[in-house]
């Protein structure tokens, strides 16, 4: 390891995705910024030999320009904890964050550092590009929403002292959801200056998901509760102004149908069930209208449109119990 302090340290959290990580690291090795000017810190959240081998092979290829470092993370689980381990082990005063499934453009680091050089800037949000297929599914469109995020850890730069000031990432975010918004809000709350840098670009290819993946993803909603509990005003300004009224109406009609059915009031149960069915159908067509008219997508929307509102509200309640009674 060279004694020279790098201009920037790139932190990449990863977990059981050696092929994607290798693609990302090749792009990082190919940066136009001089190899002596930066280092790459790979934080393996759930250490795996295959990941360590990938880092070692590419480190040998890079020959120290840049320096690639492998850090096994065992104390926590989740990208928030992994990123904390990474930036705390990094040697630079500027920390760049990206994910193992991104492909940073060759000028990424140079453009990010140029933006960080502006007076008083403590953090920079780069540009995320997520190419869509010709006929995107609803899941594709949902995932591509990351490209319009104000501040995402798939592409951002933060001064080390700013991270120290806010305590880094909140490690209660054990899934990849809202931990970047939490850092964003913490930086805003402490008066840090954040600017955007469209020239600092990473490509984030979409990955194929399994059937019904949207149902499993609803679990992440409980972290909205944590974020809202910590930063209610910023949550309303940047994410959602009020409760998810449509989901609440769907759940309310479902529960009303169930309660009336159990009470023996069949006409009331039928009326509430009809309302629930119509709302679910509306939700289905609203999602289908913007996405691919394919058999798989139609089938997936038919299944998930029934359960997503119920699961979303359920996980919000779980979040309220886990983090405190503050439901957005």
C-alpha atoms as a PDB file:
ATOM      1  CA  UNK A   1       0.000   0.000   0.000  1.00  0.00           C
ATOM      2  CA  UNK A   2       1.324   3.413  -0.934  1.00  0.00           C
ATOM      3  CA  UNK A   3       1.792   6.070   1.749  1.00  0.00           C
ATOM      4  CA  UNK A   4       0.211   8.666  -0.517  1.00  0.00           C
ATOM      5  CA  UNK A   5      -3.269   9.705   0.610  1.00  0.00           C
ATOM      6  CA  UNK A   6      -5.730   9.225  -2.277  1.00  0.00           C
ATOM      7  CA  UNK A   7      -7.926  12.070  -3.463  1.00  0.00           C
ATOM      8  CA  UNK A   8     -11.013   9.893  -3.149  1.00  0.00           C
ATOM      9  CA  UNK A   9     -11.953   6.514  -1.701  1.00  0.00           C
ATOM     10  CA  UNK A  10     -14.644   4.523  -3.506  1.00  0.00           C
ATOM     11  CA  UNK A  11     -16.768   2.366  -1.193  1.00  0.00           C
ATOM     12  CA  UNK A  12     -18.620  -0.571  -2.769  1.00  0.00           C
ATOM     13  CA  UNK A  13     -20.827  -2.763  -0.554  1.00  0.00           C
ATOM     14  CA  UNK A  14     -21.522  -6.236  -1.884  1.00  0.00           C
ATOM     15  CA  UNK A  15     -23.154  -9.505  -0.912  1.00  0.00           C
ATOM     16  CA  UNK A  16     -23.000 -12.779  -2.867  1.00  0.00           C
ATOM     17  CA  UNK A  17     -22.817 -11.148  -6.313  1.00  0.00           C
ATOM     18  CA  UNK A  18     -19.260 -11.794  -7.541  1.00  0.00           C
ATOM     19  CA  UNK A  19     -20.109 -11.495 -11.255  1.00  0.00           C
ATOM     20  CA  UNK A  20     -21.776  -8.106 -10.854  1.00  0.00           C
ATOM     21  CA  UNK A  21     -19.013  -6.938  -8.536  1.00  0.00           C
ATOM     22  CA  UNK A  22     -16.357  -7.915 -11.094  1.00  0.00           C
ATOM     23  CA  UNK A  23     -18.134  -5.845 -13.759  1.00  0.00           C
ATOM     24  CA  UNK A  24     -18.280  -2.833 -11.444  1.00  0.00           C
ATOM     25  CA  UNK A  25     -14.638  -3.137 -10.396  1.00  0.00           C
ATOM     26  CA  UNK A  26     -13.457  -3.324 -14.007  1.00  0.00           C
ATOM     27  CA  UNK A  27     -15.245  -0.039 -14.658  1.00  0.00           C
ATOM     28  CA  UNK A  28     -13.640   1.479 -11.563  1.00  0.00           C
ATOM     29  CA  UNK A  29     -10.189   0.338 -12.615  1.00  0.00           C
ATOM     30  CA  UNK A  30     -10.796   2.046 -15.970  1.00  0.00           C
ATOM     31  CA  UNK A  31     -11.419   5.521 -14.554  1.00  0.00           C
ATOM     32  CA  UNK A  32      -9.670   8.433 -16.282  1.00  0.00           C
ATOM     33  CA  UNK A  33      -8.561   9.713 -12.888  1.00  0.00           C
ATOM     34  CA  UNK A  34      -5.002   8.584 -12.293  1.00  0.00           C
ATOM     35  CA  UNK A  35      -4.798   5.224 -10.539  1.00  0.00           C
ATOM     36  CA  UNK A  36      -2.591   6.684  -7.800  1.00  0.00           C
ATOM     37  CA  UNK A  37      -5.298   9.225  -6.991  1.00  0.00           C
ATOM     38  CA  UNK A  38      -7.974   6.874  -5.683  1.00  0.00           C
ATOM     39  CA  UNK A  39      -8.605   3.597  -3.919  1.00  0.00           C
ATOM     40  CA  UNK A  40     -11.517   1.142  -4.008  1.00  0.00           C
ATOM     41  CA  UNK A  41     -12.780  -0.401  -0.769  1.00  0.00           C
ATOM     42  CA  UNK A  42     -15.009  -3.456  -1.220  1.00  0.00           C
ATOM     43  CA  UNK A  43     -17.131  -4.226   1.852  1.00  0.00           C
ATOM     44  CA  UNK A  44     -18.346  -7.829   1.792  1.00  0.00           C
ATOM     45  CA  UNK A  45     -21.540  -7.978   3.835  1.00  0.00           C
ATOM     46  CA  UNK A  46     -21.620 -11.692   4.585  1.00  0.00           C
ATOM     47  CA  UNK A  47     -18.058 -12.603   3.615  1.00  0.00           C
ATOM     48  CA  UNK A  48     -17.777 -15.123   0.780  1.00  0.00           C
ATOM     49  CA  UNK A  49     -14.646 -16.667  -0.697  1.00  0.00           C
ATOM     50  CA  UNK A  50     -15.898 -16.104  -4.267  1.00  0.00           C
ATOM     51  CA  UNK A  51     -16.125 -12.353  -3.603  1.00  0.00           C
ATOM     52  CA  UNK A  52     -12.671 -12.218  -2.013  1.00  0.00           C
ATOM     53  CA  UNK A  53     -11.193 -14.062  -4.995  1.00  0.00           C
ATOM     54  CA  UNK A  54     -12.785 -11.587  -7.450  1.00  0.00           C
ATOM     55  CA  UNK A  55     -11.304  -8.639  -5.577  1.00  0.00           C
ATOM     56  CA  UNK A  56      -7.889 -10.290  -5.372  1.00  0.00           C
ATOM     57  CA  UNK A  57      -7.805 -11.130  -9.094  1.00  0.00           C
ATOM     58  CA  UNK A  58      -8.737  -7.610 -10.111  1.00  0.00           C
ATOM     59  CA  UNK A  59      -6.332  -6.145  -7.557  1.00  0.00           C
ATOM     60  CA  UNK A  60      -3.554  -8.161  -9.199  1.00  0.00           C
ATOM     61  CA  UNK A  61      -4.699  -6.892 -12.600  1.00  0.00           C
ATOM     62  CA  UNK A  62      -4.710  -3.266 -11.416  1.00  0.00           C
ATOM     63  CA  UNK A  63      -1.256  -3.640  -9.828  1.00  0.00           C
ATOM     64  CA  UNK A  64      -2.050  -1.063  -7.177  1.00  0.00           C
ATOM     65  CA  UNK A  65      -3.348   1.566  -9.602  1.00  0.00           C
ATOM     66  CA  UNK A  66      -5.872   1.892  -8.078  1.00  0.00           C
ATOM     67  CA  UNK A  67      -5.456   0.033  -4.821  1.00  0.00           C
ATOM     68  CA  UNK A  68      -8.310  -2.468  -4.335  1.00  0.00           C
ATOM     69  CA  UNK A  69      -9.014  -3.450  -0.732  1.00  0.00           C
ATOM     70  CA  UNK A  70     -11.278  -6.200   0.576  1.00  0.00           C
ATOM     71  CA  UNK A  71     -13.029  -5.777   3.934  1.00  0.00           C
ATOM     72  CA  UNK A  72     -15.127  -8.635   5.349  1.00  0.00           C
ATOM     73  CA  UNK A  73     -18.086  -7.222   7.287  1.00  0.00           C
ATOM     74  CA  UNK A  74     -19.414  -9.455  10.062  1.00  0.00           C
ATOM     75  CA  UNK A  75     -20.543  -7.029  12.755  1.00  0.00           C
ATOM     76  CA  UNK A  76     -23.677  -5.863  10.917  1.00  0.00           C
ATOM     77  CA  UNK A  77     -25.915  -6.927   8.081  1.00  0.00           C
ATOM     78  CA  UNK A  78     -27.227  -4.687   5.344  1.00  0.00           C
ATOM     79  CA  UNK A  79     -25.697  -2.112   3.006  1.00  0.00           C
ATOM     80  CA  UNK A  80     -25.858   0.653   5.621  1.00  0.00           C
ATOM     81  CA  UNK A  81     -23.558  -1.211   7.995  1.00  0.00           C
ATOM     82  CA  UNK A  82     -21.306  -2.327   5.138  1.00  0.00           C
ATOM     83  CA  UNK A  83     -20.889   1.241   3.893  1.00  0.00           C
ATOM     84  CA  UNK A  84     -20.041   2.403   7.407  1.00  0.00           C
ATOM     85  CA  UNK A  85     -17.295  -0.213   7.610  1.00  0.00           C
ATOM     86  CA  UNK A  86     -16.044   0.955   4.218  1.00  0.00           C
ATOM     87  CA  UNK A  87     -15.825   4.693   4.733  1.00  0.00           C
ATOM     88  CA  UNK A  88     -14.368   4.310   8.207  1.00  0.00           C
ATOM     89  CA  UNK A  89     -11.580   2.159   6.777  1.00  0.00           C
ATOM     90  CA  UNK A  90     -11.031   4.498   3.802  1.00  0.00           C
ATOM     91  CA  UNK A  91      -7.984   6.778   3.674  1.00  0.00           C
ATOM     92  CA  UNK A  92      -9.352   9.776   1.786  1.00  0.00           C
ATOM     93  CA  UNK A  93     -11.208  12.869   2.991  1.00  0.00           C
ATOM     94  CA  UNK A  94     -13.652  12.378   0.104  1.00  0.00           C
ATOM     95  CA  UNK A  95     -15.773   9.216   0.000  1.00  0.00           C
ATOM     96  CA  UNK A  96     -17.509   8.099  -3.192  1.00  0.00           C
ATOM     97  CA  UNK A  97     -20.300   5.539  -2.898  1.00  0.00           C
ATOM     98  CA  UNK A  98     -21.598   3.230  -5.582  1.00  0.00           C
ATOM     99  CA  UNK A  99     -23.177  -0.239  -5.682  1.00  0.00           C
ATOM    100  CA  UNK A 100     -21.835  -3.535  -6.952  1.00  0.00           C
ATOM    101  CA  UNK A 101     -24.417  -3.664  -9.761  1.00  0.00           C
ATOM    102  CA  UNK A 102     -23.495  -0.319 -11.325  1.00  0.00           C
ATOM    103  CA  UNK A 103     -21.092   0.489 -14.174  1.00  0.00           C
ATOM    104  CA  UNK A 104     -19.407   3.835 -13.455  1.00  0.00           C
ATOM    105  CA  UNK A 105     -18.576   5.825 -16.582  1.00  0.00           C
ATOM    106  CA  UNK A 106     -14.830   6.496 -17.133  1.00  0.00           C
ATOM    107  CA  UNK A 107     -15.179  10.182 -16.101  1.00  0.00           C
ATOM    108  CA  UNK A 108     -17.269   9.401 -13.012  1.00  0.00           C
ATOM    109  CA  UNK A 109     -14.660  10.090 -10.348  1.00  0.00           C
ATOM    110  CA  UNK A 110     -13.156  13.094 -12.110  1.00  0.00           C
ATOM    111  CA  UNK A 111     -16.581  14.753 -12.541  1.00  0.00           C
ATOM    112  CA  UNK A 112     -17.540  14.005  -8.947  1.00  0.00           C
ATOM    113  CA  UNK A 113     -14.329  15.496  -7.587  1.00  0.00           C
ATOM    114  CA  UNK A 114     -14.752  18.588  -9.747  1.00  0.00           C
ATOM    115  CA  UNK A 115     -18.192  19.147  -8.178  1.00  0.00           C
ATOM    116  CA  UNK A 116     -16.831  18.517  -4.677  1.00  0.00           C
ATOM    117  CA  UNK A 117     -14.205  21.215  -5.241  1.00  0.00           C
ATOM    118  CA  UNK A 118     -16.841  23.974  -5.239  1.00  0.00           C
ATOM    119  CA  UNK A 119     -16.681  26.156  -2.107  1.00  0.00           C
ATOM    120  CA  UNK A 120     -18.623  24.809   0.867  1.00  0.00           C
ATOM    121  CA  UNK A 121     -19.801  21.620  -0.832  1.00  0.00           C
ATOM    122  CA  UNK A 122     -20.048  18.674   1.531  1.00  0.00           C
ATOM    123  CA  UNK A 123     -21.861  16.181  -0.704  1.00  0.00           C
ATOM    124  CA  UNK A 124     -22.574  15.569  -4.378  1.00  0.00           C
ATOM    125  CA  UNK A 125     -25.363  13.581  -6.020  1.00  0.00           C
ATOM    126  CA  UNK A 126     -24.324  12.095  -9.337  1.00  0.00           C
ATOM    127  CA  UNK A 127     -26.459  10.927 -12.251  1.00  0.00           C
ATOM    128  CA  UNK A 128     -27.854   7.389 -12.444  1.00  0.00           C
ATOM    129  CA  UNK A 129     -28.856   6.009 -15.845  1.00  0.00           C
ATOM    130  CA  UNK A 130     -31.097   2.932 -15.969  1.00  0.00           C
ATOM    131  CA  UNK A 131     -31.730   1.849 -19.580  1.00  0.00           C
ATOM    132  CA  UNK A 132     -35.214   0.431 -20.084  1.00  0.00           C
ATOM    133  CA  UNK A 133     -36.072  -2.361 -22.521  1.00  0.00           C
ATOM    134  CA  UNK A 134     -38.378  -1.631 -25.447  1.00  0.00           C
ATOM    135  CA  UNK A 135     -41.305  -3.136 -23.537  1.00  0.00           C
ATOM    136  CA  UNK A 136     -40.624  -2.559 -19.831  1.00  0.00           C
ATOM    137  CA  UNK A 137     -42.535  -4.474 -17.207  1.00  0.00           C
ATOM    138  CA  UNK A 138     -44.083  -2.815 -14.188  1.00  0.00           C
ATOM    139  CA  UNK A 139     -41.120  -4.040 -12.122  1.00  0.00           C
ATOM    140  CA  UNK A 140     -38.705  -2.502 -14.640  1.00  0.00           C
ATOM    141  CA  UNK A 141     -40.440   0.849 -14.397  1.00  0.00           C
ATOM    142  CA  UNK A 142     -40.549   0.676 -10.624  1.00  0.00           C
ATOM    143  CA  UNK A 143     -36.826  -0.111 -10.377  1.00  0.00           C
ATOM    144  CA  UNK A 144     -35.978   2.628 -12.894  1.00  0.00           C
ATOM    145  CA  UNK A 145     -37.399   5.181 -10.471  1.00  0.00           C
ATOM    146  CA  UNK A 146     -33.935   5.168  -8.882  1.00  0.00           C
ATOM    147  CA  UNK A 147     -32.746   7.239 -11.834  1.00  0.00           C
ATOM    148  CA  UNK A 148     -34.849  10.179 -10.647  1.00  0.00           C
ATOM    149  CA  UNK A 149     -33.802   9.975  -6.997  1.00  0.00           C
ATOM    150  CA  UNK A 150     -32.503  13.210  -5.507  1.00  0.00           C
ATOM    151  CA  UNK A 151     -29.696  11.475  -3.644  1.00  0.00           C
ATOM    152  CA  UNK A 152     -28.795   7.797  -3.900  1.00  0.00           C
ATOM    153  CA  UNK A 153     -25.841   5.807  -2.637  1.00  0.00           C
ATOM    154  CA  UNK A 154     -25.544   4.179  -6.057  1.00  0.00           C
ATOM    155  CA  UNK A 155     -23.819   7.452  -7.001  1.00  0.00           C
ATOM    156  CA  UNK A 156     -22.836  10.043  -4.452  1.00  0.00           C
ATOM    157  CA  UNK A 157     -19.779  11.722  -2.936  1.00  0.00           C
ATOM    158  CA  UNK A 158     -19.603  12.821   0.700  1.00  0.00           C
ATOM    159  CA  UNK A 159     -16.870  14.458   2.754  1.00  0.00           C
ATOM    160  CA  UNK A 160     -15.608  12.240   5.562  1.00  0.00           C
ATOM    161  CA  UNK A 161     -16.092  14.971   8.144  1.00  0.00           C
ATOM    162  CA  UNK A 162     -19.728  15.335   7.081  1.00  0.00           C
ATOM    163  CA  UNK A 163     -20.233  11.595   7.545  1.00  0.00           C
ATOM    164  CA  UNK A 164     -18.621  11.810  10.969  1.00  0.00           C
ATOM    165  CA  UNK A 165     -20.842  14.747  11.875  1.00  0.00           C
ATOM    166  CA  UNK A 166     -24.059  12.806  11.188  1.00  0.00           C
ATOM    167  CA  UNK A 167     -22.758   9.462  12.455  1.00  0.00           C
ATOM    168  CA  UNK A 168     -22.654   7.817   9.039  1.00  0.00           C
ATOM    169  CA  UNK A 169     -25.461   5.512   7.955  1.00  0.00           C
ATOM    170  CA  UNK A 170     -28.146   4.396  10.377  1.00  0.00           C
ATOM    171  CA  UNK A 171     -27.542   0.653  10.640  1.00  0.00           C
ATOM    172  CA  UNK A 172     -31.151  -0.049  11.548  1.00  0.00           C
ATOM    173  CA  UNK A 173     -31.794   0.014   7.797  1.00  0.00           C
ATOM    174  CA  UNK A 174     -30.937  -3.645   7.288  1.00  0.00           C
ATOM    175  CA  UNK A 175     -32.297  -3.777   3.728  1.00  0.00           C
ATOM    176  CA  UNK A 176     -31.366  -1.686   0.707  1.00  0.00           C
ATOM    177  CA  UNK A 177     -34.134   0.862   1.187  1.00  0.00           C
ATOM    178  CA  UNK A 178     -34.243   4.437   2.487  1.00  0.00           C
ATOM    179  CA  UNK A 179     -30.774   4.297   4.055  1.00  0.00           C
ATOM    180  CA  UNK A 180     -29.591   6.755   1.402  1.00  0.00           C
ATOM    181  CA  UNK A 181     -32.572   9.046   2.013  1.00  0.00           C
ATOM    182  CA  UNK A 182     -31.756   8.916   5.723  1.00  0.00           C
ATOM    183  CA  UNK A 183     -28.201  10.098   5.045  1.00  0.00           C
ATOM    184  CA  UNK A 184     -29.516  12.744   2.644  1.00  0.00           C
ATOM    185  CA  UNK A 185     -31.941  14.087   5.255  1.00  0.00           C
ATOM    186  CA  UNK A 186     -29.289  13.985   7.986  1.00  0.00           C
ATOM    187  CA  UNK A 187     -26.975  16.078   5.810  1.00  0.00           C
ATOM    188  CA  UNK A 188     -29.753  18.573   5.084  1.00  0.00           C
ATOM    189  CA  UNK A 189     -30.753  18.666   8.754  1.00  0.00           C
ATOM    190  CA  UNK A 190     -27.210  19.583   9.793  1.00  0.00           C
ATOM    191  CA  UNK A 191     -26.870  22.305   7.171  1.00  0.00           C
ATOM    192  CA  UNK A 192     -24.493  20.548   4.783  1.00  0.00           C
ATOM    193  CA  UNK A 193     -24.374  21.888   1.230  1.00  0.00           C
ATOM    194  CA  UNK A 194     -25.349  19.272  -1.382  1.00  0.00           C
ATOM    195  CA  UNK A 195     -25.059  19.837  -5.140  1.00  0.00           C
ATOM    196  CA  UNK A 196     -25.788  17.701  -8.179  1.00  0.00           C
ATOM    197  CA  UNK A 197     -23.227  16.620 -10.759  1.00  0.00           C
ATOM    198  CA  UNK A 198     -24.896  15.280 -13.938  1.00  0.00           C
ATOM    199  CA  UNK A 199     -21.490  14.597 -15.445  1.00  0.00           C
ATOM    200  CA  UNK A 200     -20.670  12.103 -12.705  1.00  0.00           C
ATOM    201  CA  UNK A 201     -22.609   9.259 -14.276  1.00  0.00           C
ATOM    202  CA  UNK A 202     -23.052   5.583 -13.474  1.00  0.00           C
ATOM    203  CA  UNK A 203     -25.095   3.131 -15.511  1.00  0.00           C
ATOM    204  CA  UNK A 204     -27.330   0.876 -13.449  1.00  0.00           C
ATOM    205  CA  UNK A 205     -28.572  -1.987 -15.657  1.00  0.00           C
ATOM    206  CA  UNK A 206     -31.883  -3.533 -14.691  1.00  0.00           C
ATOM    207  CA  UNK A 207     -31.802  -7.093 -13.411  1.00  0.00           C
ATOM    208  CA  UNK A 208     -34.414  -9.707 -14.154  1.00  0.00           C
ATOM    209  CA  UNK A 209     -36.559 -10.405 -11.106  1.00  0.00           C
ATOM    210  CA  UNK A 210     -38.463 -13.525 -10.140  1.00  0.00           C
ATOM    211  CA  UNK A 211     -42.226 -13.736 -10.580  1.00  0.00           C
ATOM    212  CA  UNK A 212     -44.058 -11.787  -7.901  1.00  0.00           C
ATOM    213  CA  UNK A 213     -40.936 -10.014  -6.630  1.00  0.00           C
ATOM    214  CA  UNK A 214     -43.038  -6.949  -5.885  1.00  0.00           C
ATOM    215  CA  UNK A 215     -44.708  -8.812  -3.027  1.00  0.00           C
ATOM    216  CA  UNK A 216     -41.432  -9.560  -1.281  1.00  0.00           C
ATOM    217  CA  UNK A 217     -40.304  -5.967  -1.756  1.00  0.00           C
ATOM    218  CA  UNK A 218     -43.173  -4.647   0.357  1.00  0.00           C
ATOM    219  CA  UNK A 219     -41.190  -5.635   3.429  1.00  0.00           C
ATOM    220  CA  UNK A 220     -38.954  -2.626   2.758  1.00  0.00           C
ATOM    221  CA  UNK A 221     -41.850  -0.268   3.465  1.00  0.00           C
ATOM    222  CA  UNK A 222     -41.309  -0.628   7.205  1.00  0.00           C
ATOM    223  CA  UNK A 223     -38.185   1.497   6.795  1.00  0.00           C
ATOM    224  CA  UNK A 224     -40.370   4.362   5.557  1.00  0.00           C
ATOM    225  CA  UNK A 225     -41.690   4.443   9.108  1.00  0.00           C
ATOM    226  CA  UNK A 226     -38.185   4.801  10.536  1.00  0.00           C
ATOM    227  CA  UNK A 227     -37.331   7.556   8.066  1.00  0.00           C
ATOM    228  CA  UNK A 228     -40.588   9.401   8.772  1.00  0.00           C
ATOM    229  CA  UNK A 229     -40.101   9.064  12.516  1.00  0.00           C
ATOM    230  CA  UNK A 230     -36.644  10.645  12.290  1.00  0.00           C
ATOM    231  CA  UNK A 231     -37.362  13.345   9.697  1.00  0.00           C
ATOM    232  CA  UNK A 232     -41.141  13.912   9.380  1.00  0.00           C
ATOM    233  CA  UNK A 233     -40.938  17.310   7.677  1.00  0.00           C
ATOM    234  CA  UNK A 234     -38.265  16.277   5.181  1.00  0.00           C
ATOM    235  CA  UNK A 235     -40.139  13.044   4.466  1.00  0.00           C
ATOM    236  CA  UNK A 236     -43.259  15.017   3.573  1.00  0.00           C
ATOM    237  CA  UNK A 237     -41.245  17.446   1.432  1.00  0.00           C
ATOM    238  CA  UNK A 238     -39.194  14.911  -0.515  1.00  0.00           C
ATOM    239  CA  UNK A 239     -41.061  11.585  -0.500  1.00  0.00           C
ATOM    240  CA  UNK A 240     -44.755  11.692   0.309  1.00  0.00           C
ATOM    241  CA  UNK A 241     -46.940  14.534   1.538  1.00  0.00           C
ATOM    242  CA  UNK A 242     -49.554  12.377   3.217  1.00  0.00           C
ATOM    243  CA  UNK A 243     -50.632   8.812   4.007  1.00  0.00           C
ATOM    244  CA  UNK A 244     -51.127   6.278   1.174  1.00  0.00           C
ATOM    245  CA  UNK A 245     -54.856   6.862   1.030  1.00  0.00           C
ATOM    246  CA  UNK A 246     -55.536   4.488  -1.868  1.00  0.00           C
ATOM    247  CA  UNK A 247     -53.845   1.559  -0.123  1.00  0.00           C
ATOM    248  CA  UNK A 248     -55.686   2.386   3.079  1.00  0.00           C
ATOM    249  CA  UNK A 249     -59.004   2.417   1.219  1.00  0.00           C
ATOM    250  CA  UNK A 250     -58.229  -0.965  -0.342  1.00  0.00           C
ATOM    251  CA  UNK A 251     -57.311  -2.447   3.030  1.00  0.00           C
ATOM    252  CA  UNK A 252     -60.307  -0.855   4.717  1.00  0.00           C
ATOM    253  CA  UNK A 253     -62.747  -2.358   2.209  1.00  0.00           C
ATOM    254  CA  UNK A 254     -61.089  -5.774   2.538  1.00  0.00           C
ATOM    255  CA  UNK A 255     -61.274  -5.710   6.339  1.00  0.00           C
ATOM    256  CA  UNK A 256     -64.854  -4.461   6.245  1.00  0.00           C
ATOM    257  CA  UNK A 257     -65.822  -7.352   3.976  1.00  0.00           C
ATOM    258  CA  UNK A 258     -64.098  -9.838   6.282  1.00  0.00           C
ATOM    259  CA  UNK A 259     -65.617  -8.453   9.488  1.00  0.00           C
ATOM    260  CA  UNK A 260     -69.148  -8.356   8.034  1.00  0.00           C
ATOM    261  CA  UNK A 261     -68.767 -11.871   6.672  1.00  0.00           C
ATOM    262  CA  UNK A 262     -67.688 -13.207  10.064  1.00  0.00           C
ATOM    263  CA  UNK A 263     -70.560 -11.304  11.703  1.00  0.00           C
ATOM    264  CA  UNK A 264     -73.049 -12.949   9.348  1.00  0.00           C
ATOM    265  CA  UNK A 265     -74.005  -9.766   7.518  1.00  0.00           C
ATOM    266  CA  UNK A 266     -73.675 -11.148   4.006  1.00  0.00           C
ATOM    267  CA  UNK A 267     -75.122  -8.152   2.084  1.00  0.00           C
ATOM    268  CA  UNK A 268     -72.701  -5.714   3.740  1.00  0.00           C
ATOM    269  CA  UNK A 269     -69.842  -8.164   3.248  1.00  0.00           C
ATOM    270  CA  UNK A 270     -70.702  -8.512  -0.440  1.00  0.00           C
ATOM    271  CA  UNK A 271     -70.842  -4.721  -0.921  1.00  0.00           C
ATOM    272  CA  UNK A 272     -67.467  -4.237   0.768  1.00  0.00           C
ATOM    273  CA  UNK A 273     -65.965  -7.143  -1.205  1.00  0.00           C
ATOM    274  CA  UNK A 274     -67.224  -5.616  -4.448  1.00  0.00           C
ATOM    275  CA  UNK A 275     -65.580  -2.303  -3.545  1.00  0.00           C
ATOM    276  CA  UNK A 276     -62.327  -4.107  -2.748  1.00  0.00           C
ATOM    277  CA  UNK A 277     -62.475  -5.997  -6.063  1.00  0.00           C
ATOM    278  CA  UNK A 278     -63.122  -2.814  -8.041  1.00  0.00           C
ATOM    279  CA  UNK A 279     -60.274  -0.978  -6.335  1.00  0.00           C
ATOM    280  CA  UNK A 280     -57.915  -3.908  -6.969  1.00  0.00           C
ATOM    281  CA  UNK A 281     -58.994  -3.957 -10.603  1.00  0.00           C
ATOM    282  CA  UNK A 282     -58.361  -0.215 -10.875  1.00  0.00           C
ATOM    283  CA  UNK A 283     -54.901  -0.729  -9.407  1.00  0.00           C
ATOM    284  CA  UNK A 284     -54.225  -3.521 -11.922  1.00  0.00           C
ATOM    285  CA  UNK A 285     -55.242  -1.467 -14.974  1.00  0.00           C
ATOM    286  CA  UNK A 286     -53.403   1.601 -13.741  1.00  0.00           C
ATOM    287  CA  UNK A 287     -50.165  -0.419 -13.604  1.00  0.00           C
ATOM    288  CA  UNK A 288     -50.806  -2.283 -16.850  1.00  0.00           C
ATOM    289  CA  UNK A 289     -51.479   0.922 -18.776  1.00  0.00           C
ATOM    290  CA  UNK A 290     -47.875   2.052 -18.376  1.00  0.00           C
ATOM    291  CA  UNK A 291     -46.134  -1.319 -18.830  1.00  0.00           C
ATOM    292  CA  UNK A 292     -45.634  -4.191 -21.276  1.00  0.00           C
ATOM    293  CA  UNK A 293     -48.706  -5.990 -22.571  1.00  0.00           C
ATOM    294  CA  UNK A 294     -47.110  -9.433 -22.243  1.00  0.00           C
ATOM    295  CA  UNK A 295     -48.497 -12.606 -20.711  1.00  0.00           C
ATOM    296  CA  UNK A 296     -45.957 -12.665 -17.876  1.00  0.00           C
ATOM    297  CA  UNK A 297     -46.433  -9.018 -16.984  1.00  0.00           C
ATOM    298  CA  UNK A 298     -50.236  -9.302 -17.083  1.00  0.00           C
ATOM    299  CA  UNK A 299     -50.171 -12.410 -14.899  1.00  0.00           C
ATOM    300  CA  UNK A 300     -47.751 -10.839 -12.450  1.00  0.00           C
ATOM    301  CA  UNK A 301     -49.827  -7.659 -12.210  1.00  0.00           C
ATOM    302  CA  UNK A 302     -52.999  -9.683 -11.669  1.00  0.00           C
ATOM    303  CA  UNK A 303     -51.449 -11.452  -8.682  1.00  0.00           C
ATOM    304  CA  UNK A 304     -49.541  -8.576  -7.144  1.00  0.00           C
ATOM    305  CA  UNK A 305     -52.312  -5.993  -7.538  1.00  0.00           C
ATOM    306  CA  UNK A 306     -54.434  -8.033  -5.150  1.00  0.00           C
ATOM    307  CA  UNK A 307     -51.823  -8.295  -2.427  1.00  0.00           C
ATOM    308  CA  UNK A 308     -49.512  -5.271  -2.658  1.00  0.00           C
ATOM    309  CA  UNK A 309     -51.849  -2.770  -0.912  1.00  0.00           C
ATOM    310  CA  UNK A 310     -52.511  -5.244   1.919  1.00  0.00           C
ATOM    311  CA  UNK A 311     -48.834  -6.104   2.365  1.00  0.00           C
ATOM    312  CA  UNK A 312     -47.749  -2.468   2.156  1.00  0.00           C
ATOM    313  CA  UNK A 313     -50.065  -1.443   4.982  1.00  0.00           C
ATOM    314  CA  UNK A 314     -49.128  -4.553   6.989  1.00  0.00           C
ATOM    315  CA  UNK A 315     -45.406  -3.754   6.801  1.00  0.00           C
ATOM    316  CA  UNK A 316     -46.085  -0.139   7.739  1.00  0.00           C
ATOM    317  CA  UNK A 317     -47.732  -1.411  10.891  1.00  0.00           C
ATOM    318  CA  UNK A 318     -44.772  -3.708  11.531  1.00  0.00           C
ATOM    319  CA  UNK A 319     -42.509  -0.687  11.159  1.00  0.00           C
ATOM    320  CA  UNK A 320     -44.649   1.290  13.596  1.00  0.00           C
ATOM    321  CA  UNK A 321     -44.286  -1.460  16.192  1.00  0.00           C
ATOM    322  CA  UNK A 322     -40.564  -1.860  15.542  1.00  0.00           C
ATOM    323  CA  UNK A 323     -39.524   1.791  15.326  1.00  0.00           C
ATOM    324  CA  UNK A 324     -42.259   3.688  17.128  1.00  0.00           C
ATOM    325  CA  UNK A 325     -45.824   4.747  16.390  1.00  0.00           C
ATOM    326  CA  UNK A 326     -45.266   7.153  13.515  1.00  0.00           C
ATOM    327  CA  UNK A 327     -46.820   5.879  10.306  1.00  0.00           C
ATOM    328  CA  UNK A 328     -46.392   7.975   7.139  1.00  0.00           C
END
